[in-house]
């Protein structure tokens, strides 16, 4: 397993394994944390986005006892800043977490994500502008062929839908990244599929 091997290399050389869960955290991939899909345990985890549910700007950093202990053992202190941990933001984040648990949104992300990925795969099977569709939960990518992500996004926007552009040149193929809200409905997914197919069809 790729990530397990990465973690083992980090442990062998004394390098901290840091999980960037800014987009993948808080249920987006169908599990609370994206790294939980693999047998790894980060030394440091950073996250944001889902913690605030789109209502409050929140981020967080968590670390293992080994990491925090080394800071304490060295005589360091935890630093606080003027705008760290404001009460209103923390209350908003707490409300988001309570709703996520009550409405079982992490489980829902897996169910709806599986449905959406299956529907995208079926609708775009054999499409000349698509090379691969893959994802976890409600984080799904459509890899493009002979078409830039910017062009594809513009075509979707013209049809009333925003989608993330992905890709970074020759090393990483252009793609569309879908990350709908965890409260997405079947009707929403059907609409997403229709717009995506129509947008890609416009390029021949």
N, C-alpha and C. Protein backbone atom coordinates (compact mmCIF):
# COMPACT_ATOMS: atom_id res chain seq x y z
N UNK A 1 0.84 -1.19 0.00
CA UNK A 1 0.00 0.00 0.00
C UNK A 1 0.88 1.25 0.00
N UNK A 2 0.58 2.17 -0.90
CA UNK A 2 1.43 3.35 -1.10
C UNK A 2 1.61 4.18 0.17
N UNK A 3 0.51 4.58 0.79
CA UNK A 3 0.62 5.48 1.94
C UNK A 3 1.26 4.80 3.14
N UNK A 4 1.02 3.50 3.29
CA UNK A 4 1.67 2.77 4.37
C UNK A 4 3.19 2.77 4.17
N UNK A 5 3.63 2.59 2.92
CA UNK A 5 5.06 2.62 2.63
C UNK A 5 5.64 4.00 2.88
N UNK A 6 4.89 5.04 2.52
CA UNK A 6 5.35 6.41 2.79
C UNK A 6 5.53 6.62 4.28
N UNK A 7 4.55 6.16 5.08
CA UNK A 7 4.64 6.31 6.52
C UNK A 7 5.84 5.56 7.08
N UNK A 8 6.08 4.35 6.57
CA UNK A 8 7.21 3.55 7.05
C UNK A 8 8.54 4.23 6.73
N UNK A 9 8.65 4.85 5.55
CA UNK A 9 9.86 5.59 5.20
C UNK A 9 10.05 6.77 6.16
N UNK A 10 8.95 7.48 6.44
CA UNK A 10 9.02 8.61 7.38
C UNK A 10 9.49 8.15 8.75
N UNK A 11 8.92 7.05 9.23
CA UNK A 11 9.30 6.54 10.55
C UNK A 11 10.76 6.10 10.57
N UNK A 12 11.21 5.48 9.49
CA UNK A 12 12.60 4.99 9.42
C UNK A 12 13.60 6.14 9.51
N UNK A 13 13.28 7.26 8.88
CA UNK A 13 14.21 8.39 8.85
C UNK A 13 13.86 9.49 9.85
N UNK A 14 12.88 9.23 10.69
CA UNK A 14 12.52 10.22 11.71
C UNK A 14 11.85 11.45 11.16
N UNK A 15 11.10 11.28 10.07
CA UNK A 15 10.39 12.39 9.44
C UNK A 15 8.93 12.36 9.88
N UNK A 16 8.38 13.51 10.22
CA UNK A 16 6.98 13.56 10.64
C UNK A 16 6.05 13.33 9.44
N UNK A 17 5.05 12.51 9.65
CA UNK A 17 4.03 12.23 8.63
C UNK A 17 2.88 13.21 8.87
N UNK A 18 2.69 14.16 7.96
CA UNK A 18 1.67 15.19 8.12
C UNK A 18 0.54 14.95 7.13
N UNK A 19 -0.67 14.83 7.64
CA UNK A 19 -1.84 14.62 6.78
C UNK A 19 -2.55 15.94 6.56
N UNK A 20 -2.62 16.35 5.30
CA UNK A 20 -3.36 17.56 4.93
C UNK A 20 -4.80 17.15 4.64
N UNK A 21 -5.67 17.37 5.60
CA UNK A 21 -7.08 16.97 5.48
C UNK A 21 -7.98 18.20 5.36
N UNK A 22 -7.44 19.27 4.79
CA UNK A 22 -8.23 20.50 4.64
C UNK A 22 -9.49 20.23 3.82
N UNK A 23 -9.35 19.50 2.73
CA UNK A 23 -10.52 19.17 1.90
C UNK A 23 -11.12 17.82 2.24
N UNK A 24 -10.28 16.87 2.63
CA UNK A 24 -10.75 15.49 2.79
C UNK A 24 -11.30 15.19 4.18
N UNK A 25 -11.08 16.07 5.14
CA UNK A 25 -11.50 15.81 6.50
C UNK A 25 -12.98 16.03 6.76
N UNK A 26 -13.42 15.57 7.93
CA UNK A 26 -14.80 15.74 8.38
C UNK A 26 -15.81 15.12 7.43
N UNK A 27 -15.50 13.89 6.98
CA UNK A 27 -16.50 13.08 6.29
C UNK A 27 -16.57 13.18 4.79
N UNK A 28 -15.81 14.07 4.19
CA UNK A 28 -15.91 14.28 2.74
C UNK A 28 -15.74 12.99 1.94
N UNK A 29 -14.83 12.10 2.38
CA UNK A 29 -14.54 10.88 1.62
C UNK A 29 -15.35 9.67 2.06
N UNK A 30 -16.31 9.87 2.96
CA UNK A 30 -17.11 8.75 3.43
C UNK A 30 -16.61 8.16 4.74
N UNK A 31 -15.48 8.63 5.22
CA UNK A 31 -14.97 8.34 6.55
C UNK A 31 -14.62 9.68 7.19
N UNK A 32 -14.54 9.73 8.51
CA UNK A 32 -14.29 11.01 9.16
C UNK A 32 -13.03 11.67 8.60
N UNK A 33 -11.98 10.88 8.44
CA UNK A 33 -10.72 11.39 7.90
C UNK A 33 -10.34 10.61 6.65
N UNK A 34 -9.81 11.31 5.66
CA UNK A 34 -9.41 10.65 4.43
C UNK A 34 -8.33 9.61 4.65
N UNK A 35 -7.41 9.87 5.60
CA UNK A 35 -6.31 8.92 5.81
C UNK A 35 -6.80 7.60 6.39
N UNK A 36 -8.03 7.57 6.90
CA UNK A 36 -8.55 6.33 7.48
C UNK A 36 -8.82 5.25 6.43
N UNK A 37 -8.78 5.61 5.16
CA UNK A 37 -8.93 4.61 4.10
C UNK A 37 -7.68 3.75 3.99
N UNK A 38 -6.60 4.18 4.59
CA UNK A 38 -5.33 3.47 4.52
C UNK A 38 -4.81 3.21 5.93
N UNK A 39 -3.97 2.17 6.09
CA UNK A 39 -3.46 1.82 7.43
C UNK A 39 -2.32 2.75 7.87
N UNK A 40 -2.64 4.02 8.08
CA UNK A 40 -1.62 4.99 8.49
C UNK A 40 -2.12 5.80 9.68
N UNK A 41 -1.16 6.34 10.44
CA UNK A 41 -1.49 7.19 11.58
C UNK A 41 -0.59 8.42 11.52
N UNK A 42 -1.14 9.57 11.12
CA UNK A 42 -0.31 10.78 10.99
C UNK A 42 0.25 11.26 12.33
N UNK A 43 1.40 11.91 12.25
CA UNK A 43 1.96 12.55 13.44
C UNK A 43 1.28 13.90 13.66
N UNK A 44 0.95 14.56 12.55
CA UNK A 44 0.26 15.85 12.59
C UNK A 44 -0.86 15.82 11.57
N UNK A 45 -2.01 16.36 11.94
CA UNK A 45 -3.16 16.43 11.03
C UNK A 45 -3.66 17.86 11.00
N UNK A 46 -3.85 18.39 9.80
CA UNK A 46 -4.41 19.73 9.65
C UNK A 46 -5.73 19.62 8.89
N UNK A 47 -6.69 20.42 9.29
CA UNK A 47 -7.98 20.38 8.61
C UNK A 47 -8.68 21.73 8.71
N UNK A 48 -9.73 21.89 7.92
CA UNK A 48 -10.50 23.14 7.89
C UNK A 48 -11.81 22.87 7.18
N UNK A 49 -12.22 23.75 6.30
CA UNK A 49 -13.40 23.64 5.45
C UNK A 49 -14.60 22.98 6.13
N UNK A 50 -14.66 21.65 6.14
CA UNK A 50 -15.82 20.95 6.68
C UNK A 50 -16.10 21.27 8.14
N UNK A 51 -15.08 21.66 8.89
CA UNK A 51 -15.25 21.98 10.30
C UNK A 51 -16.20 23.14 10.50
N UNK A 52 -16.18 24.08 9.56
CA UNK A 52 -17.07 25.24 9.67
C UNK A 52 -18.35 25.10 8.88
N UNK A 53 -18.46 24.04 8.09
CA UNK A 53 -19.68 23.79 7.34
C UNK A 53 -20.09 24.90 6.39
N UNK A 54 -19.15 25.74 5.99
CA UNK A 54 -19.48 26.85 5.10
C UNK A 54 -20.06 28.05 5.83
N UNK A 55 -20.18 27.95 7.14
CA UNK A 55 -20.78 29.03 7.92
C UNK A 55 -19.73 29.87 8.64
N UNK A 56 -18.70 29.23 9.17
CA UNK A 56 -17.68 29.96 9.91
C UNK A 56 -16.30 29.54 9.40
N UNK A 57 -15.35 30.49 9.32
CA UNK A 57 -13.99 30.15 8.90
C UNK A 57 -13.22 29.53 10.05
N UNK A 58 -13.01 28.23 9.98
CA UNK A 58 -12.32 27.51 11.05
C UNK A 58 -11.28 26.58 10.47
N UNK A 59 -10.20 26.41 11.20
CA UNK A 59 -9.19 25.42 10.85
C UNK A 59 -8.65 24.83 12.15
N UNK A 60 -7.93 23.73 12.02
CA UNK A 60 -7.41 23.08 13.22
C UNK A 60 -6.13 22.33 12.90
N UNK A 61 -5.32 22.16 13.93
CA UNK A 61 -4.12 21.34 13.85
C UNK A 61 -4.12 20.42 15.05
N UNK A 62 -3.94 19.13 14.82
CA UNK A 62 -3.81 18.18 15.92
C UNK A 62 -2.49 17.45 15.75
N UNK A 63 -1.94 16.98 16.86
CA UNK A 63 -0.64 16.30 16.80
C UNK A 63 -0.58 15.19 17.83
N UNK A 64 0.30 14.24 17.59
CA UNK A 64 0.48 13.11 18.49
C UNK A 64 1.13 13.57 19.79
N UNK A 65 1.03 12.72 20.82
CA UNK A 65 1.67 13.02 22.09
C UNK A 65 3.18 13.19 21.92
N UNK A 66 3.75 12.42 20.99
CA UNK A 66 5.19 12.51 20.76
C UNK A 66 5.58 13.90 20.27
N UNK A 67 4.76 14.45 19.37
CA UNK A 67 5.05 15.78 18.83
C UNK A 67 4.84 16.86 19.89
N UNK A 68 3.68 16.84 20.53
CA UNK A 68 3.41 17.87 21.54
C UNK A 68 4.32 17.73 22.74
N UNK A 69 4.66 16.47 23.08
CA UNK A 69 5.55 16.24 24.21
C UNK A 69 6.94 16.78 23.97
N UNK A 70 7.41 16.68 22.73
CA UNK A 70 8.76 17.19 22.42
C UNK A 70 8.81 18.70 22.57
N UNK A 71 7.70 19.37 22.28
CA UNK A 71 7.64 20.83 22.46
C UNK A 71 7.70 21.17 23.95
N UNK A 72 6.92 20.44 24.74
CA UNK A 72 6.91 20.67 26.18
C UNK A 72 8.26 20.35 26.81
N UNK A 73 8.84 19.23 26.38
CA UNK A 73 10.14 18.82 26.95
C UNK A 73 11.23 19.83 26.64
N UNK A 74 11.09 20.54 25.53
CA UNK A 74 12.09 21.54 25.15
C UNK A 74 11.85 22.88 25.84
N UNK A 75 10.82 22.92 26.68
CA UNK A 75 10.52 24.16 27.40
C UNK A 75 9.64 25.11 26.64
N UNK A 76 9.07 24.63 25.53
CA UNK A 76 8.21 25.49 24.73
C UNK A 76 6.81 25.58 25.30
N UNK A 77 6.12 26.64 24.96
CA UNK A 77 4.75 26.85 25.40
C UNK A 77 3.83 26.95 24.19
N UNK A 78 2.58 26.55 24.39
CA UNK A 78 1.59 26.72 23.33
C UNK A 78 1.31 28.21 23.19
N UNK A 79 1.36 28.70 21.96
CA UNK A 79 1.15 30.13 21.73
C UNK A 79 -0.28 30.40 21.29
N UNK A 80 -0.85 31.47 21.79
CA UNK A 80 -2.18 31.90 21.38
C UNK A 80 -2.07 33.29 20.76
N UNK A 81 -2.98 33.54 19.83
CA UNK A 81 -2.94 34.81 19.12
C UNK A 81 -4.27 35.54 19.29
N UNK A 82 -4.28 36.80 18.92
CA UNK A 82 -5.45 37.64 19.14
C UNK A 82 -6.73 37.04 18.58
N UNK A 83 -6.65 36.47 17.37
CA UNK A 83 -7.86 35.97 16.72
C UNK A 83 -7.96 34.44 16.74
N UNK A 84 -7.25 33.80 17.64
CA UNK A 84 -7.33 32.35 17.74
C UNK A 84 -8.51 31.94 18.62
N UNK A 85 -9.25 30.94 18.16
CA UNK A 85 -10.32 30.35 18.97
C UNK A 85 -11.41 31.30 19.41
N UNK A 86 -11.93 32.19 18.55
CA UNK A 86 -13.01 33.09 18.98
C UNK A 86 -14.27 32.29 19.32
N UNK A 87 -14.96 32.73 20.36
CA UNK A 87 -16.11 31.99 20.88
C UNK A 87 -17.17 31.72 19.82
N UNK A 88 -17.52 32.74 19.03
CA UNK A 88 -18.58 32.58 18.04
C UNK A 88 -18.21 31.54 16.98
N UNK A 89 -16.95 31.57 16.54
CA UNK A 89 -16.50 30.61 15.54
C UNK A 89 -16.53 29.19 16.10
N UNK A 90 -16.06 29.04 17.33
CA UNK A 90 -16.04 27.71 17.96
C UNK A 90 -17.46 27.19 18.17
N UNK A 91 -18.38 28.08 18.55
CA UNK A 91 -19.77 27.66 18.72
C UNK A 91 -20.36 27.21 17.40
N UNK A 92 -20.03 27.93 16.32
CA UNK A 92 -20.51 27.54 15.00
C UNK A 92 -19.97 26.19 14.58
N UNK A 93 -18.68 25.96 14.81
CA UNK A 93 -18.07 24.68 14.46
C UNK A 93 -18.67 23.54 15.28
N UNK A 94 -18.92 23.80 16.56
CA UNK A 94 -19.53 22.77 17.41
C UNK A 94 -20.92 22.40 16.90
N UNK A 95 -21.69 23.40 16.48
CA UNK A 95 -23.02 23.14 15.93
C UNK A 95 -22.93 22.29 14.66
N UNK A 96 -21.94 22.59 13.82
CA UNK A 96 -21.73 21.80 12.60
C UNK A 96 -21.45 20.34 12.95
N UNK A 97 -20.57 20.11 13.91
CA UNK A 97 -20.22 18.74 14.29
C UNK A 97 -21.41 18.01 14.88
N UNK A 98 -22.23 18.71 15.66
CA UNK A 98 -23.42 18.09 16.24
C UNK A 98 -24.41 17.68 15.15
N UNK A 99 -24.60 18.53 14.16
CA UNK A 99 -25.50 18.22 13.04
C UNK A 99 -24.96 17.05 12.23
N UNK A 100 -23.67 17.05 11.98
CA UNK A 100 -23.06 15.95 11.22
C UNK A 100 -23.30 14.61 11.90
N UNK A 101 -23.17 14.61 13.22
CA UNK A 101 -23.38 13.36 13.97
C UNK A 101 -24.86 12.98 14.00
N UNK A 102 -25.71 13.95 14.28
CA UNK A 102 -27.15 13.67 14.39
C UNK A 102 -27.73 13.18 13.07
N UNK A 103 -27.32 13.78 11.97
CA UNK A 103 -27.87 13.42 10.67
C UNK A 103 -27.02 12.39 9.92
N UNK A 104 -26.01 11.88 10.61
CA UNK A 104 -25.15 10.81 10.06
C UNK A 104 -24.62 11.18 8.66
N UNK A 105 -24.08 12.38 8.56
CA UNK A 105 -23.66 12.89 7.26
C UNK A 105 -22.40 12.21 6.72
N UNK A 106 -21.57 11.67 7.61
CA UNK A 106 -20.39 10.95 7.12
C UNK A 106 -20.82 9.70 6.37
N UNK A 107 -21.75 8.94 6.97
CA UNK A 107 -22.28 7.75 6.29
C UNK A 107 -23.00 8.14 5.00
N UNK A 108 -23.70 9.25 5.06
CA UNK A 108 -24.43 9.71 3.89
C UNK A 108 -23.48 10.07 2.75
N UNK A 109 -22.33 10.64 3.10
CA UNK A 109 -21.34 11.00 2.07
C UNK A 109 -20.88 9.77 1.31
N UNK A 110 -20.73 8.65 2.01
CA UNK A 110 -20.32 7.42 1.33
C UNK A 110 -21.42 6.91 0.41
N UNK A 111 -22.65 6.87 0.92
CA UNK A 111 -23.78 6.35 0.14
C UNK A 111 -24.01 7.21 -1.11
N UNK A 112 -24.10 8.52 -0.91
CA UNK A 112 -24.38 9.41 -2.04
C UNK A 112 -23.18 9.50 -2.99
N UNK A 113 -21.98 9.41 -2.42
CA UNK A 113 -20.79 9.44 -3.26
C UNK A 113 -20.71 8.21 -4.16
N UNK A 114 -21.02 7.05 -3.59
CA UNK A 114 -21.03 5.82 -4.40
C UNK A 114 -22.05 5.93 -5.52
N UNK A 115 -23.22 6.49 -5.19
CA UNK A 115 -24.27 6.64 -6.21
C UNK A 115 -23.81 7.59 -7.31
N UNK A 116 -23.20 8.70 -6.90
CA UNK A 116 -22.78 9.70 -7.88
C UNK A 116 -21.66 9.17 -8.77
N UNK A 117 -20.69 8.49 -8.17
CA UNK A 117 -19.58 7.97 -8.96
C UNK A 117 -20.07 6.92 -9.95
N UNK A 118 -20.99 6.08 -9.50
CA UNK A 118 -21.56 5.06 -10.39
C UNK A 118 -22.32 5.71 -11.54
N UNK A 119 -23.09 6.75 -11.23
CA UNK A 119 -23.88 7.44 -12.26
C UNK A 119 -22.97 8.15 -13.27
N UNK A 120 -21.91 8.80 -12.76
CA UNK A 120 -20.96 9.46 -13.65
C UNK A 120 -20.27 8.44 -14.56
N UNK A 121 -19.86 7.32 -13.98
CA UNK A 121 -19.18 6.28 -14.76
C UNK A 121 -20.08 5.73 -15.85
N UNK A 122 -21.35 5.55 -15.52
CA UNK A 122 -22.30 5.03 -16.51
C UNK A 122 -22.56 6.05 -17.61
N UNK A 123 -22.78 7.30 -17.21
CA UNK A 123 -23.13 8.34 -18.19
C UNK A 123 -21.97 8.71 -19.10
N UNK A 124 -20.74 8.59 -18.59
CA UNK A 124 -19.57 9.00 -19.37
C UNK A 124 -18.75 7.83 -19.89
N UNK A 125 -19.29 6.63 -19.79
CA UNK A 125 -18.58 5.44 -20.26
C UNK A 125 -18.26 5.57 -21.76
N UNK A 126 -16.99 5.46 -22.09
CA UNK A 126 -16.58 5.54 -23.48
C UNK A 126 -16.53 6.93 -24.07
N UNK A 127 -16.74 7.95 -23.24
CA UNK A 127 -16.73 9.33 -23.74
C UNK A 127 -15.33 9.71 -24.21
N UNK A 128 -15.24 10.35 -25.36
CA UNK A 128 -13.94 10.68 -25.95
C UNK A 128 -13.16 11.70 -25.13
N UNK A 129 -13.83 12.45 -24.26
CA UNK A 129 -13.16 13.48 -23.47
C UNK A 129 -12.83 13.03 -22.05
N UNK A 130 -13.07 11.76 -21.75
CA UNK A 130 -12.86 11.25 -20.39
C UNK A 130 -11.96 10.02 -20.42
N UNK A 131 -10.93 10.02 -19.57
CA UNK A 131 -10.04 8.86 -19.50
C UNK A 131 -10.28 8.02 -18.25
N UNK A 132 -10.72 8.65 -17.16
CA UNK A 132 -10.93 7.89 -15.93
C UNK A 132 -11.81 8.68 -14.97
N UNK A 133 -12.59 7.93 -14.18
CA UNK A 133 -13.41 8.51 -13.13
C UNK A 133 -13.08 7.77 -11.84
N UNK A 134 -12.72 8.51 -10.81
CA UNK A 134 -12.36 7.86 -9.55
C UNK A 134 -12.66 8.81 -8.38
N UNK A 135 -12.77 8.24 -7.20
CA UNK A 135 -13.02 9.08 -6.05
C UNK A 135 -13.34 8.28 -4.81
N UNK A 136 -13.57 8.99 -3.74
CA UNK A 136 -13.99 8.40 -2.47
C UNK A 136 -15.05 9.31 -1.87
N UNK A 137 -16.17 8.71 -1.50
CA UNK A 137 -17.24 9.51 -0.94
C UNK A 137 -17.66 10.60 -1.90
N UNK A 138 -17.89 11.79 -1.35
CA UNK A 138 -18.32 12.92 -2.17
C UNK A 138 -17.13 13.77 -2.60
N UNK A 139 -16.09 13.11 -3.04
CA UNK A 139 -14.92 13.77 -3.63
C UNK A 139 -14.53 12.92 -4.83
N UNK A 140 -14.99 13.35 -6.00
CA UNK A 140 -14.89 12.53 -7.21
C UNK A 140 -14.22 13.32 -8.33
N UNK A 141 -13.28 12.67 -9.00
CA UNK A 141 -12.58 13.31 -10.10
C UNK A 141 -12.91 12.67 -11.44
N UNK A 142 -13.02 13.52 -12.45
CA UNK A 142 -13.20 13.06 -13.83
C UNK A 142 -11.98 13.53 -14.61
N UNK A 143 -11.10 12.58 -14.97
CA UNK A 143 -9.88 12.93 -15.70
C UNK A 143 -10.22 13.16 -17.16
N UNK A 144 -9.70 14.26 -17.69
CA UNK A 144 -10.06 14.69 -19.05
C UNK A 144 -9.02 14.30 -20.09
N UNK A 145 -9.47 14.19 -21.34
CA UNK A 145 -8.59 13.88 -22.46
C UNK A 145 -8.74 14.95 -23.53
N UNK A 146 -7.62 15.56 -23.95
CA UNK A 146 -7.65 16.55 -25.01
C UNK A 146 -8.48 17.77 -24.68
N UNK A 147 -8.54 18.09 -23.41
CA UNK A 147 -9.39 19.20 -22.96
C UNK A 147 -8.85 19.72 -21.64
N UNK A 148 -8.70 21.03 -21.52
CA UNK A 148 -8.19 21.60 -20.26
C UNK A 148 -9.32 21.70 -19.24
N UNK A 149 -8.93 21.65 -17.97
CA UNK A 149 -9.91 21.77 -16.90
C UNK A 149 -10.61 23.13 -16.97
N UNK A 150 -9.86 24.17 -17.33
CA UNK A 150 -10.45 25.51 -17.42
C UNK A 150 -11.57 25.54 -18.46
N UNK A 151 -11.33 24.93 -19.61
CA UNK A 151 -12.36 24.89 -20.65
C UNK A 151 -13.60 24.14 -20.17
N UNK A 152 -13.37 23.01 -19.51
CA UNK A 152 -14.49 22.20 -19.04
C UNK A 152 -15.29 22.91 -17.96
N UNK A 153 -14.57 23.59 -17.06
CA UNK A 153 -15.25 24.35 -16.00
C UNK A 153 -16.10 25.45 -16.61
N UNK A 154 -15.54 26.17 -17.57
CA UNK A 154 -16.29 27.26 -18.22
C UNK A 154 -17.57 26.73 -18.86
N UNK A 155 -17.49 25.56 -19.49
CA UNK A 155 -18.67 24.97 -20.11
C UNK A 155 -19.72 24.61 -19.07
N UNK A 156 -19.27 24.14 -17.91
CA UNK A 156 -20.21 23.80 -16.83
C UNK A 156 -20.84 25.07 -16.24
N UNK A 157 -20.02 26.11 -16.04
CA UNK A 157 -20.52 27.37 -15.49
C UNK A 157 -21.57 27.98 -16.41
N UNK A 158 -21.34 27.90 -17.71
CA UNK A 158 -22.31 28.42 -18.68
C UNK A 158 -23.66 27.70 -18.56
N UNK A 159 -23.63 26.50 -18.01
CA UNK A 159 -24.86 25.72 -17.84
C UNK A 159 -25.38 25.76 -16.41
N UNK A 160 -24.79 26.65 -15.60
CA UNK A 160 -25.31 26.88 -14.26
C UNK A 160 -24.70 26.06 -13.15
N UNK A 161 -23.52 25.45 -13.37
CA UNK A 161 -22.90 24.63 -12.33
C UNK A 161 -21.42 24.96 -12.20
N UNK A 162 -20.99 25.16 -10.96
CA UNK A 162 -19.57 25.35 -10.69
C UNK A 162 -18.96 24.02 -10.28
N UNK A 163 -17.76 23.74 -10.79
CA UNK A 163 -17.03 22.53 -10.42
C UNK A 163 -15.56 22.91 -10.31
N UNK A 164 -14.83 22.23 -9.44
CA UNK A 164 -13.41 22.54 -9.25
C UNK A 164 -12.58 22.13 -10.47
N UNK A 165 -11.67 23.00 -10.92
CA UNK A 165 -10.68 22.58 -11.92
C UNK A 165 -9.52 21.90 -11.21
N UNK A 166 -8.96 20.88 -11.80
CA UNK A 166 -7.81 20.19 -11.20
C UNK A 166 -6.78 19.91 -12.28
N UNK A 167 -5.54 19.66 -11.84
CA UNK A 167 -4.46 19.39 -12.78
C UNK A 167 -3.39 20.44 -12.68
N UNK A 168 -2.17 20.04 -13.02
CA UNK A 168 -1.05 20.99 -12.91
C UNK A 168 -0.06 20.81 -14.05
N UNK A 169 -0.58 20.70 -15.24
CA UNK A 169 0.31 20.58 -16.39
C UNK A 169 0.55 19.14 -16.80
N UNK A 170 1.60 18.90 -17.59
CA UNK A 170 1.86 17.57 -18.15
C UNK A 170 1.98 16.46 -17.12
N UNK A 171 2.53 16.77 -15.94
CA UNK A 171 2.73 15.73 -14.94
C UNK A 171 1.42 15.24 -14.33
N UNK A 172 0.44 16.10 -14.26
CA UNK A 172 -0.86 15.74 -13.67
C UNK A 172 -1.95 16.12 -14.66
N UNK A 173 -2.68 15.13 -15.13
CA UNK A 173 -3.71 15.37 -16.15
C UNK A 173 -4.78 16.32 -15.65
N UNK A 174 -5.34 17.11 -16.57
CA UNK A 174 -6.45 17.99 -16.22
C UNK A 174 -7.66 17.14 -15.84
N UNK A 175 -8.42 17.65 -14.89
CA UNK A 175 -9.59 16.91 -14.42
C UNK A 175 -10.62 17.86 -13.83
N UNK A 176 -11.83 17.37 -13.69
CA UNK A 176 -12.88 18.07 -12.96
C UNK A 176 -13.01 17.39 -11.60
N UNK A 177 -13.08 18.18 -10.55
CA UNK A 177 -13.23 17.63 -9.20
C UNK A 177 -14.61 18.01 -8.66
N UNK A 178 -15.40 17.00 -8.35
CA UNK A 178 -16.74 17.21 -7.81
C UNK A 178 -16.71 17.00 -6.30
N UNK A 179 -17.24 17.97 -5.56
CA UNK A 179 -17.31 17.87 -4.10
C UNK A 179 -18.60 18.55 -3.63
N UNK A 180 -19.75 17.96 -3.95
CA UNK A 180 -21.03 18.58 -3.57
C UNK A 180 -21.25 18.52 -2.06
N UNK A 181 -22.16 19.32 -1.54
CA UNK A 181 -22.45 19.30 -0.10
C UNK A 181 -22.89 17.91 0.34
N UNK A 182 -22.65 17.61 1.60
CA UNK A 182 -23.01 16.29 2.12
C UNK A 182 -24.51 16.10 2.24
N UNK A 183 -25.27 17.16 2.03
CA UNK A 183 -26.74 17.06 2.04
C UNK A 183 -27.28 16.95 0.62
N UNK A 184 -26.41 16.68 -0.35
CA UNK A 184 -26.83 16.56 -1.74
C UNK A 184 -27.92 15.50 -1.89
N UNK A 185 -28.88 15.77 -2.77
CA UNK A 185 -30.00 14.84 -2.98
C UNK A 185 -29.83 14.08 -4.29
N UNK A 186 -30.68 13.09 -4.49
CA UNK A 186 -30.67 12.34 -5.75
C UNK A 186 -30.95 13.27 -6.93
N UNK A 187 -31.89 14.21 -6.75
CA UNK A 187 -32.20 15.15 -7.82
C UNK A 187 -31.00 16.03 -8.16
N UNK A 188 -30.26 16.45 -7.13
CA UNK A 188 -29.06 17.25 -7.36
C UNK A 188 -28.04 16.45 -8.18
N UNK A 189 -27.85 15.20 -7.80
CA UNK A 189 -26.88 14.36 -8.51
C UNK A 189 -27.29 14.18 -9.96
N UNK A 190 -28.57 13.94 -10.19
CA UNK A 190 -29.05 13.80 -11.57
C UNK A 190 -28.75 15.07 -12.38
N UNK A 191 -28.95 16.22 -11.75
CA UNK A 191 -28.69 17.49 -12.42
C UNK A 191 -27.19 17.66 -12.70
N UNK A 192 -26.36 17.29 -11.75
CA UNK A 192 -24.90 17.37 -11.93
C UNK A 192 -24.48 16.51 -13.12
N UNK A 193 -25.02 15.30 -13.20
CA UNK A 193 -24.67 14.39 -14.29
C UNK A 193 -25.10 14.98 -15.63
N UNK A 194 -26.33 15.48 -15.69
CA UNK A 194 -26.86 16.03 -16.94
C UNK A 194 -26.00 17.19 -17.44
N UNK A 195 -25.65 18.10 -16.54
CA UNK A 195 -24.85 19.26 -16.93
C UNK A 195 -23.45 18.83 -17.37
N UNK A 196 -22.86 17.91 -16.63
CA UNK A 196 -21.51 17.44 -16.97
C UNK A 196 -21.47 16.80 -18.35
N UNK A 197 -22.42 15.93 -18.62
CA UNK A 197 -22.48 15.25 -19.92
C UNK A 197 -22.68 16.27 -21.04
N UNK A 198 -23.62 17.20 -20.83
CA UNK A 198 -23.89 18.20 -21.85
C UNK A 198 -22.67 19.08 -22.10
N UNK A 199 -21.99 19.46 -21.02
CA UNK A 199 -20.81 20.32 -21.15
C UNK A 199 -19.70 19.61 -21.93
N UNK A 200 -19.45 18.35 -21.61
CA UNK A 200 -18.38 17.62 -22.29
C UNK A 200 -18.76 17.29 -23.73
N UNK A 201 -20.05 17.04 -23.95
CA UNK A 201 -20.50 16.77 -25.33
C UNK A 201 -20.29 17.97 -26.25
N UNK A 202 -20.29 19.17 -25.66
CA UNK A 202 -20.15 20.38 -26.47
C UNK A 202 -18.77 20.49 -27.12
N UNK A 203 -17.82 19.67 -26.64
CA UNK A 203 -16.48 19.69 -27.22
C UNK A 203 -16.29 18.59 -28.27
N UNK A 204 -17.36 17.85 -28.55
CA UNK A 204 -17.28 16.82 -29.58
C UNK A 204 -16.76 15.50 -29.07
